[in-house]
């Protein structure tokens, strides 16, 4: 047995291969759907499995399992009205919410399927005579936690209706957010960081001003942001995983965005410097400083821009001249994202791009006396786990070159979790094995003359 272990270590040390993903910022066509309505919603499970929901008068649901080469119409028996949100878990399971079938709403519903639409099971309904659901989402970092929210069932100014799950959607519990006078919620604005922080945008239809509405303690208290954005339908709200930095997009043509650095208490006006008109949605990539803004303008052009510094600087991306973009979602596989976007005309575009992990968090202020690589936790894991390491005092009072790399059993490099100059301290980084099969993997820390290797087990 010892000789076998020694042989595996020899393979690992001397058979390291470098794997470079060829990613592109070019968006390409991934399908066309004719009957999904003006307000479609999209949920990306992985690079191949994507669900889309919408409809004009009745519910419409589609799914692809081959990256958009083919889209299959999912049965909607039991879904009475057009849909206002979708969150998919895999190729068979998904959750949807509805508009309640009238302009004023009332008794809106949430459903789930576990057999690709052969049956839809009612989870809950709002009751009341007003409002409808405005979206349903699960956390990217803690996918067992999800939220859906509805306008106040008793009318504007009354409490908002929420449902929450902490077990992946098996069970849902009712919650609420205090009513704000003469307001209701906005489509496409729901964001979910984790069980503590989530929120959405609200609008006053009389003044057409919108504000953020955010909780940081799991719904016990809600923050009503100080921004007043004139015009409104569709102003989007996104946050970084740090829970402090967030962006709000606007419905205008003057490049305006709003930014917070204190978790939504205060918002300041800024600009992208690039011309996007119409409703501008946003998508913040979890664990990074990368943010996308996309436009539903009816004119063709490059309707997506990208920032890699949390919204300070922006570059335009080629989008195959696809107008009317309504919602974007993605699946992240460490330093690569596969992103899909759906338009109001039923066009779907997708892109595979690289991102930089900003999840290297310094934990504690003490300077370690030794280099150390800790066992990942949890272990076994599925699909996320955290890896801690310590860097001893710097040489010559400078930072050290630190690399933390994950390999497979044959020594093939899978992803660089860290490749940075770091000061002495204790650090933590998160690894996502969502695109990998079950098995044993190695992670290797190197800093100056120090090298340490540990193994971890992914079980799906």
Protein backbone atom coordinates (compact mmCIF):
# COMPACT_ATOMS: atom_id res chain seq x y z
CA UNK A 1 0.00 0.00 0.00
CA UNK A 2 2.81 2.42 0.86
CA UNK A 3 4.43 1.79 -2.52
CA UNK A 4 1.14 2.63 -4.26
CA UNK A 5 0.85 5.91 -2.36
CA UNK A 6 4.47 6.72 -3.18
CA UNK A 7 3.84 6.01 -6.85
CA UNK A 8 0.83 8.34 -6.90
CA UNK A 9 2.89 11.11 -5.33
CA UNK A 10 5.63 10.61 -7.92
CA UNK A 11 3.03 10.87 -10.70
CA UNK A 12 1.61 13.99 -9.10
CA UNK A 13 4.94 15.76 -8.72
CA UNK A 14 6.43 14.94 -12.09
CA UNK A 15 3.37 14.75 -14.33
CA UNK A 16 1.96 18.23 -13.76
CA UNK A 17 0.35 19.53 -16.92
CA UNK A 18 -0.87 23.00 -17.65
CA UNK A 19 -4.39 23.39 -18.93
CA UNK A 20 -5.23 26.67 -20.62
CA UNK A 21 -8.86 27.30 -21.43
CA UNK A 22 -9.45 29.08 -24.67
CA UNK A 23 -12.22 31.45 -23.70
CA UNK A 24 -13.77 34.18 -25.74
CA UNK A 25 -15.67 37.38 -25.12
CA UNK A 26 -17.70 36.80 -28.27
CA UNK A 27 -21.40 36.13 -27.73
CA UNK A 28 -22.92 33.60 -30.12
CA UNK A 29 -26.46 32.53 -30.98
CA UNK A 30 -27.85 29.67 -28.90
CA UNK A 31 -31.43 29.39 -30.14
CA UNK A 32 -34.67 31.19 -31.00
CA UNK A 33 -38.02 30.73 -29.27
CA UNK A 34 -41.18 32.33 -30.64
CA UNK A 35 -43.70 32.19 -27.81
CA UNK A 36 -41.91 33.04 -24.56
CA UNK A 37 -43.47 36.53 -24.28
CA UNK A 38 -41.99 39.97 -23.75
CA UNK A 39 -40.68 39.18 -20.26
CA UNK A 40 -38.79 35.86 -20.34
CA UNK A 41 -36.76 34.54 -17.41
CA UNK A 42 -33.70 32.28 -17.59
CA UNK A 43 -31.92 29.88 -15.23
CA UNK A 44 -28.54 28.28 -16.02
CA UNK A 45 -27.69 24.98 -14.31
CA UNK A 46 -24.40 24.31 -16.10
CA UNK A 47 -22.85 24.83 -19.51
CA UNK A 48 -25.41 22.51 -21.14
CA UNK A 49 -28.58 22.63 -19.03
CA UNK A 50 -30.60 25.87 -19.24
CA UNK A 51 -34.29 26.59 -18.57
CA UNK A 52 -36.38 29.52 -19.85
CA UNK A 53 -39.89 30.51 -18.70
CA UNK A 54 -42.42 33.15 -19.71
CA UNK A 55 -45.52 33.35 -21.88
CA UNK A 56 -48.10 35.95 -22.91
CA UNK A 57 -51.42 34.60 -21.64
CA UNK A 58 -50.49 31.06 -20.63
CA UNK A 59 -47.33 29.52 -19.17
CA UNK A 60 -44.42 28.61 -21.46
CA UNK A 61 -41.30 26.68 -20.37
CA UNK A 62 -38.34 25.50 -22.45
CA UNK A 63 -35.19 23.56 -21.62
CA UNK A 64 -31.95 22.65 -23.36
CA UNK A 65 -29.57 19.90 -22.26
CA UNK A 66 -27.00 20.41 -25.02
CA UNK A 67 -25.97 24.03 -24.65
CA UNK A 68 -28.69 25.52 -26.83
CA UNK A 69 -28.39 23.27 -29.87
CA UNK A 70 -31.96 22.13 -29.24
CA UNK A 71 -34.72 23.55 -27.05
CA UNK A 72 -37.50 21.27 -25.82
CA UNK A 73 -40.95 22.56 -24.87
CA UNK A 74 -41.67 21.47 -21.29
CA UNK A 75 -45.28 20.47 -20.44
CA UNK A 76 -47.07 23.15 -18.43
CA UNK A 77 -50.23 21.31 -17.40
CA UNK A 78 -51.28 22.71 -14.04
CA UNK A 79 -49.64 26.11 -14.56
CA UNK A 80 -52.59 28.49 -15.01
CA UNK A 81 -50.89 31.76 -16.01
CA UNK A 82 -47.80 33.22 -17.66
CA UNK A 83 -44.66 32.92 -15.54
CA UNK A 84 -42.61 35.59 -13.79
CA UNK A 85 -39.53 33.67 -12.73
CA UNK A 86 -37.70 30.34 -12.89
CA UNK A 87 -34.94 28.67 -10.87
CA UNK A 88 -33.71 25.30 -12.13
CA UNK A 89 -31.74 22.76 -10.09
CA UNK A 90 -30.92 20.16 -12.76
CA UNK A 91 -32.33 18.69 -15.97
CA UNK A 92 -35.49 17.51 -14.20
CA UNK A 93 -36.15 19.86 -11.30
CA UNK A 94 -37.19 23.52 -11.49
CA UNK A 95 -39.26 26.10 -9.62
CA UNK A 96 -41.50 28.73 -11.27
CA UNK A 97 -43.70 31.59 -10.07
CA UNK A 98 -46.56 33.33 -11.85
CA UNK A 99 -48.22 36.66 -12.65
CA UNK A 100 -51.60 35.61 -11.22
CA UNK A 101 -53.25 36.28 -14.57
CA UNK A 102 -54.55 39.84 -14.14
CA UNK A 103 -53.12 43.35 -14.27
CA UNK A 104 -53.67 43.79 -10.54
CA UNK A 105 -52.67 40.25 -9.62
CA UNK A 106 -53.83 38.41 -6.54
CA UNK A 107 -53.35 34.87 -5.24
CA UNK A 108 -50.09 34.41 -7.16
CA UNK A 109 -48.51 30.96 -6.99
CA UNK A 110 -45.19 29.09 -6.87
CA UNK A 111 -44.81 25.60 -8.37
CA UNK A 112 -42.12 22.96 -8.68
CA UNK A 113 -41.45 20.02 -10.97
CA UNK A 114 -39.09 17.12 -10.35
CA UNK A 115 -39.79 15.28 -13.61
CA UNK A 116 -39.22 17.91 -16.30
CA UNK A 117 -42.78 19.21 -16.31
CA UNK A 118 -44.72 15.96 -16.36
CA UNK A 119 -46.19 17.17 -13.06
CA UNK A 120 -46.22 20.61 -11.45
CA UNK A 121 -46.77 20.72 -7.69
CA UNK A 122 -48.16 23.83 -5.98
CA UNK A 123 -45.79 25.04 -3.25
CA UNK A 124 -47.75 28.03 -1.95
CA UNK A 125 -49.88 31.01 -2.97
CA UNK A 126 -50.09 34.58 -1.73
CA UNK A 127 -53.85 34.87 -1.35
CA UNK A 128 -55.16 38.42 -1.45
CA UNK A 129 -56.39 40.36 -4.45
CA UNK A 130 -53.24 42.25 -5.45
CA UNK A 131 -49.71 41.64 -6.67
CA UNK A 132 -47.76 38.84 -8.26
CA UNK A 133 -44.36 37.22 -7.91
CA UNK A 134 -41.39 39.16 -9.27
CA UNK A 135 -38.77 36.42 -9.47
CA UNK A 136 -37.27 33.38 -7.78
CA UNK A 137 -33.55 32.81 -7.19
CA UNK A 138 -31.09 30.59 -5.32
CA UNK A 139 -27.75 31.65 -3.86
CA UNK A 140 -24.75 30.89 -6.08
CA UNK A 141 -22.49 30.24 -3.08
CA UNK A 142 -25.04 28.41 -0.92
CA UNK A 143 -27.37 26.77 -3.48
CA UNK A 144 -29.57 25.18 -0.81
CA UNK A 145 -30.92 28.65 0.00
CA UNK A 146 -33.51 30.31 -2.23
CA UNK A 147 -36.00 33.20 -2.14
CA UNK A 148 -39.06 34.32 -4.09
CA UNK A 149 -41.01 37.52 -3.45
CA UNK A 150 -44.39 38.97 -4.38
CA UNK A 151 -45.93 42.42 -4.32
CA UNK A 152 -48.07 43.08 -1.23
CA UNK A 153 -51.11 40.76 -1.59
CA UNK A 154 -53.26 43.30 0.27
CA UNK A 155 -52.23 46.20 -1.95
CA UNK A 156 -49.52 48.88 -2.11
CA UNK A 157 -48.10 49.90 1.25
CA UNK A 158 -48.79 46.55 2.91
CA UNK A 159 -46.15 43.89 3.70
CA UNK A 160 -44.36 42.10 0.87
CA UNK A 161 -44.85 38.33 0.64
CA UNK A 162 -41.71 36.13 0.61
CA UNK A 163 -40.98 32.41 0.58
CA UNK A 164 -37.60 31.00 1.65
CA UNK A 165 -35.99 27.57 1.50
CA UNK A 166 -32.84 26.31 3.21
CA UNK A 167 -32.85 22.76 1.85
CA UNK A 168 -32.75 23.24 -1.90
CA UNK A 169 -36.50 23.70 -2.31
CA UNK A 170 -37.82 20.64 -0.52
CA UNK A 171 -39.46 22.85 2.09
CA UNK A 172 -40.44 26.53 1.95
CA UNK A 173 -41.41 28.88 4.76
CA UNK A 174 -43.33 32.14 4.58
CA UNK A 175 -41.68 35.43 5.41
CA UNK A 176 -42.42 39.11 4.83
CA UNK A 177 -40.87 42.53 4.43
CA UNK A 178 -42.55 45.61 5.94
CA UNK A 179 -44.70 47.60 3.56
CA UNK A 180 -43.48 50.93 2.20
CA UNK A 181 -46.29 53.42 1.41
CA UNK A 182 -47.50 53.34 -2.20
CA UNK A 183 -44.86 50.89 -3.51
CA UNK A 184 -44.66 47.50 -5.18
CA UNK A 185 -41.79 45.33 -6.42
CA UNK A 186 -39.96 45.22 -9.75
CA UNK A 187 -39.30 42.34 -12.13
CA UNK A 188 -35.72 41.10 -12.61
CA UNK A 189 -34.39 42.87 -9.50
CA UNK A 190 -34.27 40.04 -6.93
CA UNK A 191 -30.74 39.19 -5.74
CA UNK A 192 -29.68 36.50 -3.24
CA UNK A 193 -26.19 36.41 -1.71
CA UNK A 194 -26.78 33.95 1.15
CA UNK A 195 -29.36 33.22 3.89
CA UNK A 196 -28.53 36.53 5.56
CA UNK A 197 -28.47 38.98 2.65
CA UNK A 198 -30.98 39.32 -0.18
CA UNK A 199 -33.25 42.02 -1.56
CA UNK A 200 -34.99 43.68 -4.50
CA UNK A 201 -36.06 47.01 -5.97
CA UNK A 202 -39.36 48.75 -5.19
CA UNK A 203 -41.15 51.49 -7.12
CA UNK A 204 -43.56 54.28 -6.29
CA UNK A 205 -45.87 54.37 -9.36
CA UNK A 206 -46.96 57.94 -8.64
CA UNK A 207 -43.48 59.47 -8.60
CA UNK A 208 -41.89 56.68 -10.73
CA UNK A 209 -39.00 56.60 -8.27
CA UNK A 210 -37.31 53.37 -7.22
CA UNK A 211 -35.35 52.35 -4.13
CA UNK A 212 -33.45 49.30 -2.97
CA UNK A 213 -34.97 47.13 -0.26
CA UNK A 214 -32.39 44.88 1.41
CA UNK A 215 -32.02 42.61 4.44
CA UNK A 216 -28.66 41.67 5.95
CA UNK A 217 -29.94 39.54 8.82
CA UNK A 218 -32.18 37.00 7.15
CA UNK A 219 -35.28 39.19 7.07
CA UNK A 220 -35.37 40.45 10.66
CA UNK A 221 -34.65 44.00 9.48
CA UNK A 222 -34.85 45.72 6.10
CA UNK A 223 -32.85 48.66 4.71
CA UNK A 224 -34.62 51.11 2.43
CA UNK A 225 -31.82 52.75 0.40
CA UNK A 226 -31.59 56.50 -0.03
CA UNK A 227 -31.43 56.62 -3.83
CA UNK A 228 -34.39 58.02 -5.79
CA UNK A 229 -34.04 57.04 -9.43
CA UNK A 230 -36.50 58.77 -11.70
CA UNK A 231 -38.22 56.25 -13.91
CA UNK A 232 -38.22 52.84 -13.04
CA UNK A 233 -39.72 49.79 -14.60
CA UNK A 234 -36.87 47.35 -14.65
CA UNK A 235 -34.08 49.06 -12.74
CA UNK A 236 -31.81 46.20 -11.67
CA UNK A 237 -29.97 45.59 -8.39
CA UNK A 238 -26.85 43.43 -7.88
CA UNK A 239 -24.27 42.92 -5.12
CA UNK A 240 -20.79 41.54 -4.65
CA UNK A 241 -20.27 38.61 -2.28
CA UNK A 242 -18.58 41.05 0.10
CA UNK A 243 -22.10 42.39 0.83
CA UNK A 244 -20.86 45.97 0.78
CA UNK A 245 -20.42 46.83 -2.89
CA UNK A 246 -23.51 46.95 -5.09
CA UNK A 247 -24.76 48.49 -8.32
CA UNK A 248 -28.12 49.71 -9.59
CA UNK A 249 -28.74 50.20 -13.29
CA UNK A 250 -31.06 52.84 -14.67
CA UNK A 251 -33.61 53.19 -17.45
CA UNK A 252 -32.20 56.02 -19.53
CA UNK A 253 -29.57 56.89 -22.13
CA UNK A 254 -27.04 58.85 -20.05
CA UNK A 255 -24.83 55.91 -18.99
CA UNK A 256 -25.92 56.36 -15.36
CA UNK A 257 -25.46 53.74 -12.66
CA UNK A 258 -25.69 53.97 -8.88
CA UNK A 259 -23.09 52.47 -6.54
CA UNK A 260 -22.97 51.62 -2.84
CA UNK A 261 -19.98 50.67 -0.71
CA UNK A 262 -21.84 50.31 2.59
CA UNK A 263 -24.30 47.55 1.83
CA UNK A 264 -27.05 49.67 0.33
CA UNK A 265 -27.43 52.34 3.01
CA UNK A 266 -26.18 55.08 0.67
CA UNK A 267 -26.01 55.19 -3.12
CA UNK A 268 -23.97 57.54 -5.32
CA UNK A 269 -24.44 58.28 -9.00
CA UNK A 270 -21.80 57.15 -11.50
CA UNK A 271 -21.41 56.39 -15.19
CA UNK A 272 -20.39 53.49 -17.39
CA UNK A 273 -19.12 55.89 -20.05
CA UNK A 274 -20.73 53.68 -22.70
CA UNK A 275 -24.01 54.08 -24.52
CA UNK A 276 -26.68 51.60 -23.42
CA UNK A 277 -30.30 52.68 -23.74
CA UNK A 278 -33.54 51.18 -22.50
CA UNK A 279 -33.84 48.93 -19.46
CA UNK A 280 -30.37 47.96 -18.30
CA UNK A 281 -30.16 44.69 -16.37
CA UNK A 282 -27.08 43.56 -14.46
CA UNK A 283 -25.36 40.32 -13.45
CA UNK A 284 -22.55 40.18 -10.84
CA UNK A 285 -20.39 37.05 -11.09
CA UNK A 286 -20.08 35.48 -7.64
CA UNK A 287 -16.58 35.49 -6.14
CA UNK A 288 -15.24 38.06 -8.61
CA UNK A 289 -15.24 41.77 -9.38
CA UNK A 290 -16.80 41.05 -12.78
CA UNK A 291 -20.16 42.65 -13.58
CA UNK A 292 -22.18 42.61 -16.80
CA UNK A 293 -24.80 45.16 -17.82
CA UNK A 294 -27.15 44.30 -20.69
CA UNK A 295 -29.75 46.40 -22.50
CA UNK A 296 -33.26 45.64 -23.72
CA UNK A 297 -33.04 48.42 -26.32
CA UNK A 298 -34.98 47.50 -29.46
CA UNK A 299 -32.12 48.51 -31.75
CA UNK A 300 -29.38 46.13 -32.80
CA UNK A 301 -25.84 46.65 -31.59
CA UNK A 302 -23.44 45.60 -28.87
CA UNK A 303 -25.88 45.56 -25.97
CA UNK A 304 -23.61 44.07 -23.28
CA UNK A 305 -20.79 45.75 -21.37
CA UNK A 306 -18.41 44.19 -18.84
CA UNK A 307 -16.49 45.52 -15.86
CA UNK A 308 -13.71 43.65 -14.04
CA UNK A 309 -13.21 46.16 -11.24
CA UNK A 310 -16.64 46.22 -9.65
CA UNK A 311 -18.19 48.77 -11.98
CA UNK A 312 -15.60 51.53 -12.32
CA UNK A 313 -14.39 50.79 -15.85
CA UNK A 314 -16.37 49.15 -18.65
CA UNK A 315 -15.76 47.60 -22.07
CA UNK A 316 -18.31 46.74 -24.76
CA UNK A 317 -18.76 43.17 -25.98
CA UNK A 318 -19.96 41.86 -29.32
CA UNK A 319 -23.45 40.38 -28.96
CA UNK A 320 -24.31 39.16 -32.46
CA UNK A 321 -26.62 42.19 -32.88
CA UNK A 322 -29.22 40.79 -30.49
CA UNK A 323 -31.63 43.50 -29.25
CA UNK A 324 -34.08 43.38 -26.37
CA UNK A 325 -31.97 41.47 -23.80
CA UNK A 326 -34.08 40.82 -20.69
CA UNK A 327 -32.25 38.50 -18.28
CA UNK A 328 -28.80 36.94 -17.89
CA UNK A 329 -27.65 33.97 -15.82
CA UNK A 330 -24.46 31.93 -15.63
CA UNK A 331 -22.70 28.88 -14.29
CA UNK A 332 -19.20 29.34 -12.92
CA UNK A 333 -16.48 26.71 -13.02
CA UNK A 334 -13.67 28.32 -11.04
CA UNK A 335 -12.00 30.75 -13.48
CA UNK A 336 -14.46 30.17 -16.35
CA UNK A 337 -18.07 31.25 -16.69
CA UNK A 338 -20.64 30.07 -19.22
CA UNK A 339 -23.26 32.80 -19.53
CA UNK A 340 -26.64 32.86 -21.30
CA UNK A 341 -28.90 35.83 -22.04
CA UNK A 342 -32.49 35.78 -23.36
CA UNK A 343 -34.26 38.55 -25.28
CA UNK A 344 -37.87 39.73 -25.46
CA UNK A 345 -37.98 38.40 -29.03
CA UNK A 346 -36.99 34.90 -27.96
CA UNK A 347 -33.35 35.08 -29.04
CA UNK A 348 -30.82 33.35 -26.80
CA UNK A 349 -27.11 34.15 -26.86
CA UNK A 350 -24.29 32.59 -24.86
CA UNK A 351 -20.63 33.17 -24.12
CA UNK A 352 -17.71 31.39 -22.46
CA UNK A 353 -15.35 33.80 -20.71
CA UNK A 354 -12.61 33.82 -18.11
CA UNK A 355 -12.82 35.62 -14.77
CA UNK A 356 -10.41 36.28 -11.93
CA UNK A 357 -11.14 34.86 -8.50
CA UNK A 358 -11.23 37.57 -5.84
CA UNK A 359 -12.14 35.10 -3.14
CA UNK A 360 -8.72 35.06 -1.42
CA UNK A 361 -9.78 36.45 1.94
CA UNK A 362 -7.37 37.34 4.72
CA UNK A 363 -8.64 35.81 7.97
CA UNK A 364 -7.28 37.34 11.16
CA UNK A 365 -4.56 39.90 11.88
CA UNK A 366 -1.90 37.68 13.48
CA UNK A 367 1.30 36.97 11.56
CA UNK A 368 1.86 33.18 11.43
CA UNK A 369 5.19 31.77 12.51
CA UNK A 370 5.15 29.01 9.90
CA UNK A 371 3.87 28.18 6.46
CA UNK A 372 0.93 25.81 6.60
CA UNK A 373 -1.71 24.32 4.31
CA UNK A 374 -4.84 23.14 6.10
CA UNK A 375 -7.26 20.38 5.24
CA UNK A 376 -10.18 21.68 3.20
CA UNK A 377 -13.58 21.98 4.87
CA UNK A 378 -16.00 20.42 4.37
CA UNK A 379 -14.38 17.22 3.14
CA UNK A 380 -15.88 15.31 1.39
CA UNK A 381 -17.66 18.19 -0.34
CA UNK A 382 -20.26 18.94 -3.05
CA UNK A 383 -19.60 21.18 -4.87
CA UNK A 384 -18.01 23.95 -2.72
CA UNK A 385 -15.26 23.70 -0.13
CA UNK A 386 -12.92 26.15 1.59
CA UNK A 387 -9.13 25.89 1.79
CA UNK A 388 -7.09 27.80 4.39
CA UNK A 389 -3.37 28.46 4.36
CA UNK A 390 -0.83 30.52 6.30
CA UNK A 391 2.12 32.50 4.97
CA UNK A 392 5.01 33.19 7.38
CA UNK A 393 6.93 36.46 7.73
CA UNK A 394 8.01 37.98 4.45
CA UNK A 395 11.54 37.81 3.19
CA UNK A 396 13.18 41.21 3.07
CA UNK A 397 9.92 42.79 4.27
CA UNK A 398 8.31 42.08 0.91
CA UNK A 399 5.41 40.04 -0.41
CA UNK A 400 5.91 36.45 -1.52
CA UNK A 401 4.83 34.65 -4.65
CA UNK A 402 2.07 32.27 -3.57
CA UNK A 403 0.36 29.66 -5.72
CA UNK A 404 -2.51 27.38 -4.76
CA UNK A 405 -3.39 24.95 -7.55
CA UNK A 406 -5.83 22.05 -7.84
CA UNK A 407 -4.82 18.90 -9.77
CA UNK A 408 -6.42 15.61 -10.68
CA UNK A 409 -4.96 12.19 -9.82
CA UNK A 410 -2.69 12.26 -12.88
CA UNK A 411 -1.20 15.60 -11.95
CA UNK A 412 -3.12 17.59 -14.55
CA UNK A 413 -3.63 21.19 -13.48
CA UNK A 414 -7.33 22.01 -13.21
CA UNK A 415 -7.45 25.51 -11.75
CA UNK A 416 -5.29 28.12 -10.05
CA UNK A 417 -7.06 29.24 -6.90
CA UNK A 418 -4.25 31.66 -6.07
CA UNK A 419 -1.35 33.07 -8.05
CA UNK A 420 -0.59 36.25 -6.17
CA UNK A 421 2.01 38.20 -4.23
CA UNK A 422 0.77 37.97 -0.63
CA UNK A 423 1.93 39.45 2.64
CA UNK A 424 2.40 37.28 5.71
CA UNK A 425 -0.95 36.21 7.14
CA UNK A 426 -3.72 33.61 7.14
CA UNK A 427 -5.90 33.24 4.05
CA UNK A 428 -8.97 31.37 2.86
CA UNK A 429 -10.17 30.60 -0.66
CA UNK A 430 -13.26 28.78 -1.93
CA UNK A 431 -13.09 26.00 -4.52
CA UNK A 432 -16.07 24.97 -6.67
CA UNK A 433 -16.03 21.47 -8.14
CA UNK A 434 -19.33 21.81 -9.94
CA UNK A 435 -17.89 20.89 -13.34
CA UNK A 436 -15.82 17.94 -12.10
CA UNK A 437 -16.80 14.30 -11.58
CA UNK A 438 -16.72 12.65 -8.17
CA UNK A 439 -13.24 11.60 -7.13
CA UNK A 440 -10.02 12.44 -5.33
CA UNK A 441 -8.23 15.70 -6.12
CA UNK A 442 -5.02 17.30 -4.89
CA UNK A 443 -4.33 20.89 -3.96
CA UNK A 444 -0.77 22.21 -3.77
CA UNK A 445 0.49 25.33 -1.99
CA UNK A 446 3.86 26.80 -2.97
CA UNK A 447 5.46 29.93 -1.50
CA UNK A 448 9.18 30.65 -1.85
CA UNK A 449 10.88 27.40 -0.75
CA UNK A 450 7.78 25.94 0.90
CA UNK A 451 5.61 23.31 -0.82
CA UNK A 452 2.78 21.26 0.66
CA UNK A 453 0.18 18.99 -0.94
CA UNK A 454 -3.12 17.66 0.42
CA UNK A 455 -5.97 15.63 -1.04
CA UNK A 456 -9.72 16.22 -1.00
CA UNK A 457 -12.75 14.18 -2.00
CA UNK A 458 -15.60 15.39 -4.21
CA UNK A 459 -18.79 13.32 -3.87
CA UNK A 460 -21.81 14.15 -6.01
